[in-house]
Amino acid sequence: SILITNLLPLTEDQAKDIVYDGSVEMDGIINEIEKL
């Protein structure tokens, strides 16, 4: 099994690396993973 989790930023710089703020389109990635 694999547990995929998002980054919990601990610094201001890390806050720029999150993908759950609408800055990244994740639907295609999710669909690929669900098929696998």
Full PDB file with SEQRES, HELIX, SHEET, SSBOND, CRYST1, ORIGX, SCALE, CONECT and MASTER records, all heavy atoms in Angstrom:
SEQRES   1 A   36  SER ILE LEU ILE THR ASN LEU LEU PRO LEU THR GLU ASP          
SEQRES   2 A   36  GLN ALA LYS ASP ILE VAL TYR ASP GLY SER VAL GLU MET          
SEQRES   3 A   36  ASP GLY ILE ILE ASN GLU ILE GLU LYS LEU                      
HELIX    1 AA1 GLN A   14  ASP A   17  5                                   4    
HELIX    2 AA2 ASP A   27  LYS A   35  1                                   9    
CRYST1    1.000    1.000    1.000  90.00  90.00  90.00 P 1           1          
ORIGX1      1.000000  0.000000  0.000000        0.00000                         
ORIGX2      0.000000  1.000000  0.000000        0.00000                         
ORIGX3      0.000000  0.000000  1.000000        0.00000                         
SCALE1      1.000000  0.000000  0.000000        0.00000                         
SCALE2      0.000000  1.000000  0.000000        0.00000                         
SCALE3      0.000000  0.000000  1.000000        0.00000                         
ATOM      1  N   SER A   1       0.837  -1.198   0.000  1.00  0.00           N  
ATOM      2  CA  SER A   1       0.000   0.000   0.000  1.00  0.00           C  
ATOM      3  C   SER A   1       0.871   1.248   0.000  1.00  0.00           C  
ATOM      4  O   SER A   1       2.045   1.213   0.379  1.00  0.00           O  
ATOM      5  CB  SER A   1      -0.943   0.022   1.208  1.00  0.00           C  
ATOM      6  OG  SER A   1      -0.233   0.252   2.410  1.00  0.00           O  
ATOM      7  N   ILE A   2       0.274   2.357  -0.423  1.00  0.00           N  
ATOM      8  CA  ILE A   2       0.952   3.638  -0.406  1.00  0.00           C  
ATOM      9  C   ILE A   2       0.007   4.690   0.147  1.00  0.00           C  
ATOM     10  O   ILE A   2      -1.152   4.780  -0.270  1.00  0.00           O  
ATOM     11  CB  ILE A   2       1.478   4.031  -1.805  1.00  0.00           C  
ATOM     12  CG1 ILE A   2       2.142   5.422  -1.773  1.00  0.00           C  
ATOM     13  CG2 ILE A   2       0.382   3.989  -2.855  1.00  0.00           C  
ATOM     14  CD1 ILE A   2       2.898   5.757  -3.045  1.00  0.00           C  
ATOM     15  N   LEU A   3       0.487   5.444   1.120  1.00  0.00           N  
ATOM     16  CA  LEU A   3      -0.264   6.543   1.704  1.00  0.00           C  
ATOM     17  C   LEU A   3       0.278   7.834   1.100  1.00  0.00           C  
ATOM     18  O   LEU A   3       1.441   8.194   1.304  1.00  0.00           O  
ATOM     19  CB  LEU A   3      -0.085   6.579   3.223  1.00  0.00           C  
ATOM     20  CG  LEU A   3      -0.668   7.785   3.957  1.00  0.00           C  
ATOM     21  CD1 LEU A   3      -2.190   7.754   3.917  1.00  0.00           C  
ATOM     22  CD2 LEU A   3      -0.177   7.854   5.388  1.00  0.00           C  
ATOM     23  N   ILE A   4      -0.552   8.507   0.321  1.00  0.00           N  
ATOM     24  CA  ILE A   4      -0.163   9.772  -0.299  1.00  0.00           C  
ATOM     25  C   ILE A   4      -0.769  10.901   0.529  1.00  0.00           C  
ATOM     26  O   ILE A   4      -1.973  10.935   0.763  1.00  0.00           O  
ATOM     27  CB  ILE A   4      -0.650   9.845  -1.755  1.00  0.00           C  
ATOM     28  CG1 ILE A   4       0.015   8.724  -2.578  1.00  0.00           C  
ATOM     29  CG2 ILE A   4      -0.352  11.198  -2.364  1.00  0.00           C  
ATOM     30  CD1 ILE A   4      -0.492   8.616  -4.007  1.00  0.00           C  
ATOM     31  N   THR A   5       0.073  11.794   0.992  1.00  0.00           N  
ATOM     32  CA  THR A   5      -0.392  12.884   1.832  1.00  0.00           C  
ATOM     33  C   THR A   5       0.178  14.201   1.337  1.00  0.00           C  
ATOM     34  O   THR A   5       1.230  14.233   0.698  1.00  0.00           O  
ATOM     35  CB  THR A   5      -0.010  12.665   3.306  1.00  0.00           C  
ATOM     36  OG1 THR A   5      -0.553  13.716   4.115  1.00  0.00           O  
ATOM     37  CG2 THR A   5       1.503  12.632   3.481  1.00  0.00           C  
ATOM     38  N   ASN A   6      -0.503  15.273   1.610  1.00  0.00           N  
ATOM     39  CA  ASN A   6      -0.018  16.590   1.217  1.00  0.00           C  
ATOM     40  C   ASN A   6       0.975  17.154   2.220  1.00  0.00           C  
ATOM     41  O   ASN A   6       1.028  16.733   3.382  1.00  0.00           O  
ATOM     42  CB  ASN A   6      -1.189  17.566   1.076  1.00  0.00           C  
ATOM     43  CG  ASN A   6      -1.913  17.423  -0.246  1.00  0.00           C  
ATOM     44  OD1 ASN A   6      -1.338  17.654  -1.305  1.00  0.00           O  
ATOM     45  ND2 ASN A   6      -3.179  17.025  -0.193  1.00  0.00           N  
ATOM     46  N   LEU A   7       1.741  18.107   1.758  1.00  0.00           N  
ATOM     47  CA  LEU A   7       2.707  18.805   2.598  1.00  0.00           C  
ATOM     48  C   LEU A   7       1.993  19.707   3.596  1.00  0.00           C  
ATOM     49  O   LEU A   7       1.106  20.472   3.235  1.00  0.00           O  
ATOM     50  CB  LEU A   7       3.637  19.648   1.715  1.00  0.00           C  
ATOM     51  CG  LEU A   7       4.609  20.592   2.424  1.00  0.00           C  
ATOM     52  CD1 LEU A   7       5.652  19.799   3.200  1.00  0.00           C  
ATOM     53  CD2 LEU A   7       5.280  21.518   1.411  1.00  0.00           C  
ATOM     54  N   LEU A   8       2.376  19.598   4.866  1.00  0.00           N  
ATOM     55  CA  LEU A   8       1.946  20.555   5.875  1.00  0.00           C  
ATOM     56  C   LEU A   8       3.105  21.526   6.069  1.00  0.00           C  
ATOM     57  O   LEU A   8       4.113  21.188   6.688  1.00  0.00           O  
ATOM     58  CB  LEU A   8       1.618  19.866   7.198  1.00  0.00           C  
ATOM     59  CG  LEU A   8       1.189  20.789   8.344  1.00  0.00           C  
ATOM     60  CD1 LEU A   8      -0.101  21.524   7.978  1.00  0.00           C  
ATOM     61  CD2 LEU A   8       1.008  20.028   9.638  1.00  0.00           C  
ATOM     62  N   PRO A   9       3.014  22.731   5.509  1.00  0.00           N  
ATOM     63  CA  PRO A   9       4.149  23.657   5.563  1.00  0.00           C  
ATOM     64  C   PRO A   9       4.478  24.087   6.990  1.00  0.00           C  
ATOM     65  O   PRO A   9       3.586  24.388   7.783  1.00  0.00           O  
ATOM     66  CB  PRO A   9       3.668  24.853   4.735  1.00  0.00           C  
ATOM     67  CG  PRO A   9       2.527  24.342   3.921  1.00  0.00           C  
ATOM     68  CD  PRO A   9       1.879  23.293   4.759  1.00  0.00           C  
ATOM     69  N   LEU A  10       5.761  24.121   7.279  1.00  0.00           N  
ATOM     70  CA  LEU A  10       6.238  24.567   8.574  1.00  0.00           C  
ATOM     71  C   LEU A  10       7.004  25.878   8.485  1.00  0.00           C  
ATOM     72  O   LEU A  10       7.401  26.442   9.503  1.00  0.00           O  
ATOM     73  CB  LEU A  10       7.127  23.484   9.198  1.00  0.00           C  
ATOM     74  CG  LEU A  10       6.465  22.105   9.326  1.00  0.00           C  
ATOM     75  CD1 LEU A  10       7.468  21.070   9.793  1.00  0.00           C  
ATOM     76  CD2 LEU A  10       5.284  22.154  10.294  1.00  0.00           C  
ATOM     77  N   THR A  11       7.206  26.341   7.252  1.00  0.00           N  
ATOM     78  CA  THR A  11       7.867  27.629   7.014  1.00  0.00           C  
ATOM     79  C   THR A  11       7.131  28.354   5.895  1.00  0.00           C  
ATOM     80  O   THR A  11       6.358  27.747   5.138  1.00  0.00           O  
ATOM     81  CB  THR A  11       9.337  27.447   6.597  1.00  0.00           C  
ATOM     82  OG1 THR A  11       9.395  26.840   5.296  1.00  0.00           O  
ATOM     83  CG2 THR A  11      10.098  26.598   7.604  1.00  0.00           C  
ATOM     84  N   GLU A  12       7.410  29.633   5.768  1.00  0.00           N  
ATOM     85  CA  GLU A  12       6.775  30.423   4.716  1.00  0.00           C  
ATOM     86  C   GLU A  12       7.202  29.944   3.333  1.00  0.00           C  
ATOM     87  O   GLU A  12       6.403  29.928   2.391  1.00  0.00           O  
ATOM     88  CB  GLU A  12       7.134  31.898   4.903  1.00  0.00           C  
ATOM     89  CG  GLU A  12       6.304  32.851   4.064  1.00  0.00           C  
ATOM     90  CD  GLU A  12       6.533  34.306   4.432  1.00  0.00           C  
ATOM     91  OE1 GLU A  12       7.302  34.563   5.385  1.00  0.00           O  
ATOM     92  OE2 GLU A  12       5.940  35.183   3.770  1.00  0.00           O  
ATOM     93  N   ASP A  13       8.463  29.545   3.195  1.00  0.00           N  
ATOM     94  CA  ASP A  13       8.945  29.042   1.906  1.00  0.00           C  
ATOM     95  C   ASP A  13       8.257  27.731   1.531  1.00  0.00           C  
ATOM     96  O   ASP A  13       7.895  27.519   0.367  1.00  0.00           O  
ATOM     97  CB  ASP A  13      10.464  28.831   1.955  1.00  0.00           C  
ATOM     98  CG  ASP A  13      11.231  30.144   1.862  1.00  0.00           C  
ATOM     99  OD1 ASP A  13      10.640  31.138   1.402  1.00  0.00           O  
ATOM    100  OD2 ASP A  13      12.403  30.169   2.266  1.00  0.00           O  
ATOM    101  N   GLN A  14       8.068  26.834   2.504  1.00  0.00           N  
ATOM    102  CA  GLN A  14       7.392  25.573   2.223  1.00  0.00           C  
ATOM    103  C   GLN A  14       5.951  25.793   1.783  1.00  0.00           C  
ATOM    104  O   GLN A  14       5.408  25.002   1.010  1.00  0.00           O  
ATOM    105  CB  GLN A  14       7.431  24.670   3.466  1.00  0.00           C  
ATOM    106  CG  GLN A  14       8.783  24.087   3.777  1.00  0.00           C  
ATOM    107  CD  GLN A  14       8.762  23.195   5.006  1.00  0.00           C  
ATOM    108  OE1 GLN A  14       7.698  22.888   5.535  1.00  0.00           O  
ATOM    109  NE2 GLN A  14       9.938  22.790   5.458  1.00  0.00           N  
ATOM    110  N   ALA A  15       5.333  26.863   2.261  1.00  0.00           N  
ATOM    111  CA  ALA A  15       3.940  27.147   1.908  1.00  0.00           C  
ATOM    112  C   ALA A  15       3.769  27.360   0.412  1.00  0.00           C  
ATOM    113  O   ALA A  15       2.664  27.189  -0.128  1.00  0.00           O  
ATOM    114  CB  ALA A  15       3.443  28.365   2.682  1.00  0.00           C  
ATOM    115  N   LYS A  16       4.847  27.697  -0.276  1.00  0.00           N  
ATOM    116  CA  LYS A  16       4.783  27.906  -1.725  1.00  0.00           C  
ATOM    117  C   LYS A  16       4.780  26.579  -2.494  1.00  0.00           C  
ATOM    118  O   LYS A  16       4.512  26.561  -3.699  1.00  0.00           O  
ATOM    119  CB  LYS A  16       5.973  28.747  -2.175  1.00  0.00           C  
ATOM    120  CG  LYS A  16       6.050  30.117  -1.519  1.00  0.00           C  
ATOM    121  CD  LYS A  16       7.354  30.822  -1.860  1.00  0.00           C  
ATOM    122  CE  LYS A  16       7.500  32.139  -1.098  1.00  0.00           C  
ATOM    123  NZ  LYS A  16       8.820  32.781  -1.349  1.00  0.00           N  
ATOM    124  N   ASP A  17       5.089  25.468  -1.812  1.00  0.00           N  
ATOM    125  CA  ASP A  17       5.216  24.169  -2.476  1.00  0.00           C  
ATOM    126  C   ASP A  17       3.949  23.326  -2.443  1.00  0.00           C  
ATOM    127  O   ASP A  17       3.932  22.212  -2.968  1.00  0.00           O  
ATOM    128  CB  ASP A  17       6.356  23.361  -1.831  1.00  0.00           C  
ATOM    129  CG  ASP A  17       7.728  23.907  -2.191  1.00  0.00           C  
ATOM    130  OD1 ASP A  17       7.857  24.477  -3.281  1.00  0.00           O  
ATOM    131  OD2 ASP A  17       8.659  23.752  -1.378  1.00  0.00           O  
ATOM    132  N   ILE A  18       2.865  23.826  -1.822  1.00  0.00           N  
ATOM    133  CA  ILE A  18       1.658  23.009  -1.721  1.00  0.00           C  
ATOM    134  C   ILE A  18       0.930  22.930  -3.067  1.00  0.00           C  
ATOM    135  O   ILE A  18       1.043  23.825  -3.899  1.00  0.00           O  
ATOM    136  CB  ILE A  18       0.697  23.543  -0.627  1.00  0.00           C  
ATOM    137  CG1 ILE A  18       0.185  24.938  -0.979  1.00  0.00           C  
ATOM    138  CG2 ILE A  18       1.383  23.546   0.728  1.00  0.00           C  
ATOM    139  CD1 ILE A  18      -0.883  25.464  -0.017  1.00  0.00           C  
ATOM    140  N   VAL A  19       0.192  21.834  -3.253  1.00  0.00           N  
ATOM    141  CA  VAL A  19      -0.538  21.636  -4.513  1.00  0.00           C  
ATOM    142  C   VAL A  19      -2.049  21.699  -4.306  1.00  0.00           C  
ATOM    143  O   VAL A  19      -2.806  21.504  -5.255  1.00  0.00           O  
ATOM    144  CB  VAL A  19      -0.162  20.289  -5.162  1.00  0.00           C  
ATOM    145  CG1 VAL A  19       1.318  20.219  -5.450  1.00  0.00           C  
ATOM    146  CG2 VAL A  19      -0.601  19.110  -4.290  1.00  0.00           C  
ATOM    147  N   TYR A  20      -2.509  21.956  -3.076  1.00  0.00           N  
ATOM    148  CA  TYR A  20      -3.944  21.917  -2.775  1.00  0.00           C  
ATOM    149  C   TYR A  20      -4.556  23.309  -2.663  1.00  0.00           C  
ATOM    150  O   TYR A  20      -5.653  23.467  -2.114  1.00  0.00           O  
ATOM    151  CB  TYR A  20      -4.204  21.113  -1.496  1.00  0.00           C  
ATOM    152  CG  TYR A  20      -3.353  21.486  -0.301  1.00  0.00           C  
ATOM    153  CD1 TYR A  20      -3.727  22.498   0.573  1.00  0.00           C  
ATOM    154  CD2 TYR A  20      -2.177  20.808  -0.042  1.00  0.00           C  
ATOM    155  CE1 TYR A  20      -2.961  22.835   1.666  1.00  0.00           C  
ATOM    156  CE2 TYR A  20      -1.378  21.125   1.045  1.00  0.00           C  
ATOM    157  CZ  TYR A  20      -1.773  22.137   1.896  1.00  0.00           C  
ATOM    158  OH  TYR A  20      -0.991  22.459   2.985  1.00  0.00           O  
ATOM    159  N   ASP A  21      -3.853  24.307  -3.176  1.00  0.00           N  
ATOM    160  CA  ASP A  21      -4.364  25.677  -3.115  1.00  0.00           C  
ATOM    161  C   ASP A  21      -4.923  26.148  -4.454  1.00  0.00           C  
ATOM    162  O   ASP A  21      -5.187  27.333  -4.649  1.00  0.00           O  
ATOM    163  CB  ASP A  21      -3.251  26.631  -2.673  1.00  0.00           C  
ATOM    164  CG  ASP A  21      -2.039  26.592  -3.604  1.00  0.00           C  
ATOM    165  OD1 ASP A  21      -2.016  25.729  -4.499  1.00  0.00           O  
ATOM    166  OD2 ASP A  21      -1.131  27.417  -3.424  1.00  0.00           O  
ATOM    167  N   GLY A  22      -5.114  25.224  -5.395  1.00  0.00           N  
ATOM    168  CA  GLY A  22      -5.648  25.577  -6.699  1.00  0.00           C  
ATOM    169  C   GLY A  22      -4.601  25.952  -7.718  1.00  0.00           C  
ATOM    170  O   GLY A  22      -4.925  26.204  -8.887  1.00  0.00           O  
ATOM    171  N   SER A  23      -3.337  25.949  -7.312  1.00  0.00           N  
ATOM    172  CA  SER A  23      -2.261  26.339  -8.224  1.00  0.00           C  
ATOM    173  C   SER A  23      -1.843  25.207  -9.153  1.00  0.00           C  
ATOM    174  O   SER A  23      -1.140  25.443 -10.137  1.00  0.00           O  
ATOM    175  CB  SER A  23      -1.041  26.813  -7.425  1.00  0.00           C  
ATOM    176  OG  SER A  23      -0.556  25.778  -6.581  1.00  0.00           O  
ATOM    177  N   VAL A  24      -2.290  23.985  -8.858  1.00  0.00           N  
ATOM    178  CA  VAL A  24      -1.918  22.812  -9.647  1.00  0.00           C  
ATOM    179  C   VAL A  24      -3.182  22.030  -9.991  1.00  0.00           C  
ATOM    180  O   VAL A  24      -4.060  21.833  -9.141  1.00  0.00           O  
ATOM    181  CB  VAL A  24      -0.930  21.914  -8.859  1.00  0.00           C  
ATOM    182  CG1 VAL A  24      -0.714  20.593  -9.577  1.00  0.00           C  
ATOM    183  CG2 VAL A  24       0.395  22.635  -8.652  1.00  0.00           C  
ATOM    184  N   GLU A  25      -3.291  21.570 -11.217  1.00  0.00           N  
ATOM    185  CA  GLU A  25      -4.416  20.740 -11.632  1.00  0.00           C  
ATOM    186  C   GLU A  25      -4.083  19.285 -11.314  1.00  0.00           C  
ATOM    187  O   GLU A  25      -3.176  18.693 -11.906  1.00  0.00           O  
ATOM    188  CB  GLU A  25      -4.662  20.906 -13.131  1.00  0.00           C  
ATOM    189  CG  GLU A  25      -5.747  19.999 -13.690  1.00  0.00           C  
ATOM    190  CD  GLU A  25      -7.064  20.116 -12.933  1.00  0.00           C  
ATOM    191  OE1 GLU A  25      -7.580  21.246 -12.823  1.00  0.00           O  
ATOM    192  OE2 GLU A  25      -7.544  19.067 -12.449  1.00  0.00           O  
ATOM    193  N   MET A  26      -4.825  18.707 -10.358  1.00  0.00           N  
ATOM    194  CA  MET A  26      -4.512  17.354  -9.881  1.00  0.00           C  
ATOM    195  C   MET A  26      -5.444  16.281 -10.415  1.00  0.00           C  
ATOM    196  O   MET A  26      -5.197  15.089 -10.218  1.00  0.00           O  
ATOM    197  CB  MET A  26      -4.552  17.328  -8.349  1.00  0.00           C  
ATOM    198  CG  MET A  26      -3.452  18.115  -7.666  1.00  0.00           C  
ATOM    199  SD  MET A  26      -1.798  17.461  -8.005  1.00  0.00           S  
ATOM    200  CE  MET A  26      -1.902  15.830  -7.270  1.00  0.00           C  
ATOM    201  N   ASP A  27      -6.534  16.630 -11.103  1.00  0.00           N  
ATOM    202  CA  ASP A  27      -7.528  15.635 -11.509  1.00  0.00           C  
ATOM    203  C   ASP A  27      -6.943  14.551 -12.399  1.00  0.00           C  
ATOM    204  O   ASP A  27      -7.234  13.359 -12.225  1.00  0.00           O  
ATOM    205  CB  ASP A  27      -8.697  16.325 -12.234  1.00  0.00           C  
ATOM    206  CG  ASP A  27      -9.554  17.148 -11.288  1.00  0.00           C  
ATOM    207  OD1 ASP A  27      -9.421  16.965 -10.064  1.00  0.00           O  
ATOM    208  OD2 ASP A  27     -10.360  17.965 -11.767  1.00  0.00           O  
ATOM    209  N   GLY A  28      -6.120  14.938 -13.362  1.00  0.00           N  
ATOM    210  CA  GLY A  28      -5.518  13.948 -14.248  1.00  0.00           C  
ATOM    211  C   GLY A  28      -4.596  13.001 -13.503  1.00  0.00           C  
ATOM    212  O   GLY A  28      -4.586  11.785 -13.754  1.00  0.00           O  
ATOM    213  N   ILE A  29      -3.828  13.532 -12.567  1.00  0.00           N  
ATOM    214  CA  ILE A  29      -2.929  12.716 -11.746  1.00  0.00           C  
ATOM    215  C   ILE A  29      -3.731  11.726 -10.913  1.00  0.00           C  
ATOM    216  O   ILE A  29      -3.407  10.537 -10.835  1.00  0.00           O  
ATOM    217  CB  ILE A  29      -2.080  13.610 -10.819  1.00  0.00           C  
ATOM    218  CG1 ILE A  29      -1.265  14.630 -11.623  1.00  0.00           C  
ATOM    219  CG2 ILE A  29      -1.191  12.780  -9.920  1.00  0.00           C  
ATOM    220  CD1 ILE A  29      -0.144  14.038 -12.424  1.00  0.00           C  
ATOM    221  N   ILE A  30      -4.806  12.209 -10.303  1.00  0.00           N  
ATOM    222  CA  ILE A  30      -5.650  11.352  -9.464  1.00  0.00           C  
ATOM    223  C   ILE A  30      -6.253  10.221 -10.287  1.00  0.00           C  
ATOM    224  O   ILE A  30      -6.290   9.061  -9.849  1.00  0.00           O  
ATOM    225  CB  ILE A  30      -6.760  12.186  -8.792  1.00  0.00           C  
ATOM    226  CG1 ILE A  30      -6.149  13.203  -7.823  1.00  0.00           C  
ATOM    227  CG2 ILE A  30      -7.742  11.277  -8.056  1.00  0.00           C  
ATOM    228  CD1 ILE A  30      -7.135  14.225  -7.313  1.00  0.00           C  
ATOM    229  N   ASN A  31      -6.741  10.533 -11.481  1.00  0.00           N  
ATOM    230  CA  ASN A  31      -7.340   9.505 -12.336  1.00  0.00           C  
ATOM    231  C   ASN A  31      -6.335   8.414 -12.682  1.00  0.00           C  
ATOM    232  O   ASN A  31      -6.662   7.221 -12.678  1.00  0.00           O  
ATOM    233  CB  ASN A  31      -7.875  10.145 -13.618  1.00  0.00           C  
ATOM    234  CG  ASN A  31      -9.113  10.994 -13.371  1.00  0.00           C  
ATOM    235  OD1 ASN A  31      -9.813  10.798 -12.382  1.00  0.00           O  
ATOM    236  ND2 ASN A  31      -9.382  11.942 -14.261  1.00  0.00           N  
ATOM    237  N   GLU A  32      -5.106   8.807 -12.998  1.00  0.00           N  
ATOM    238  CA  GLU A  32      -4.068   7.823 -13.308  1.00  0.00           C  
ATOM    239  C   GLU A  32      -3.790   6.922 -12.115  1.00  0.00           C  
ATOM    240  O   GLU A  32      -3.663   5.695 -12.255  1.00  0.00           O  
ATOM    241  CB  GLU A  32      -2.774   8.530 -13.719  1.00  0.00           C  
ATOM    242  CG  GLU A  32      -2.771   9.086 -15.126  1.00  0.00           C  
ATOM    243  CD  GLU A  32      -1.372   9.532 -15.531  1.00  0.00           C  
ATOM    244  OE1 GLU A  32      -0.491   8.657 -15.661  1.00  0.00           O  
ATOM    245  OE2 GLU A  32      -1.172  10.749 -15.687  1.00  0.00           O  
ATOM    246  N   ILE A  33      -3.696   7.534 -10.938  1.00  0.00           N  
ATOM    247  CA  ILE A  33      -3.407   6.761  -9.727  1.00  0.00           C  
ATOM    248  C   ILE A  33      -4.534   5.789  -9.416  1.00  0.00           C  
ATOM    249  O   ILE A  33      -4.299   4.627  -9.066  1.00  0.00           O  
ATOM    250  CB  ILE A  33      -3.172   7.716  -8.539  1.00  0.00           C  
ATOM    251  CG1 ILE A  33      -1.876   8.503  -8.742  1.00  0.00           C  
ATOM    252  CG2 ILE A  33      -3.115   6.937  -7.224  1.00  0.00           C  
ATOM    253  CD1 ILE A  33      -1.655   9.577  -7.706  1.00  0.00           C  
ATOM    254  N   GLU A  34      -5.766   6.241  -9.547  1.00  0.00           N  
ATOM    255  CA  GLU A  34      -6.916   5.372  -9.243  1.00  0.00           C  
ATOM    256  C   GLU A  34      -6.984   4.174 -10.180  1.00  0.00           C  
ATOM    257  O   GLU A  34      -7.373   3.077  -9.774  1.00  0.00           O  
ATOM    258  CB  GLU A  34      -8.206   6.185  -9.304  1.00  0.00           C  
ATOM    259  CG  GLU A  34      -8.337   7.165  -8.137  1.00  0.00           C  
ATOM    260  CD  GLU A  34      -9.583   8.022  -8.211  1.00  0.00           C  
ATOM    261  OE1 GLU A  34     -10.148   8.127  -9.333  1.00  0.00           O  
ATOM    262  OE2 GLU A  34      -9.991   8.585  -7.178  1.00  0.00           O  
ATOM    263  N   LYS A  35      -6.581   4.356 -11.431  1.00  0.00           N  
ATOM    264  CA  LYS A  35      -6.530   3.223 -12.355  1.00  0.00           C  
ATOM    265  C   LYS A  35      -5.471   2.211 -11.936  1.00  0.00           C  
ATOM    266  O   LYS A  35      -5.682   1.002 -11.978  1.00  0.00           O  
ATOM    267  CB  LYS A  35      -6.242   3.714 -13.773  1.00  0.00           C  
ATOM    268  CG  LYS A  35      -7.387   4.495 -14.406  1.00  0.00           C  
ATOM    269  CD  LYS A  35      -6.987   5.046 -15.771  1.00  0.00           C  
ATOM    270  CE  LYS A  35      -8.107   5.883 -16.373  1.00  0.00           C  
ATOM    271  NZ  LYS A  35      -7.701   6.491 -17.672  1.00  0.00           N  
ATOM    272  N   LEU A  36      -4.325   2.710 -11.518  1.00  0.00           N  
ATOM    273  CA  LEU A  36      -3.240   1.831 -11.074  1.00  0.00           C  
ATOM    274  C   LEU A  36      -3.605   1.097  -9.784  1.00  0.00           C  
ATOM    275  O   LEU A  36      -3.186  -0.044  -9.572  1.00  0.00           O  
ATOM    276  CB  LEU A  36      -1.969   2.657 -10.851  1.00  0.00           C  
ATOM    277  CG  LEU A  36      -1.300   3.238 -12.092  1.00  0.00           C  
ATOM    278  CD1 LEU A  36      -0.254   4.274 -11.692  1.00  0.00           C  
ATOM    279  CD2 LEU A  36      -0.652   2.122 -12.906  1.00  0.00           C  
TER     280      LEU A  36                                                      
MASTER        0    0    0    2    0    0    0    6  279    1    0    3          
END                                                                             
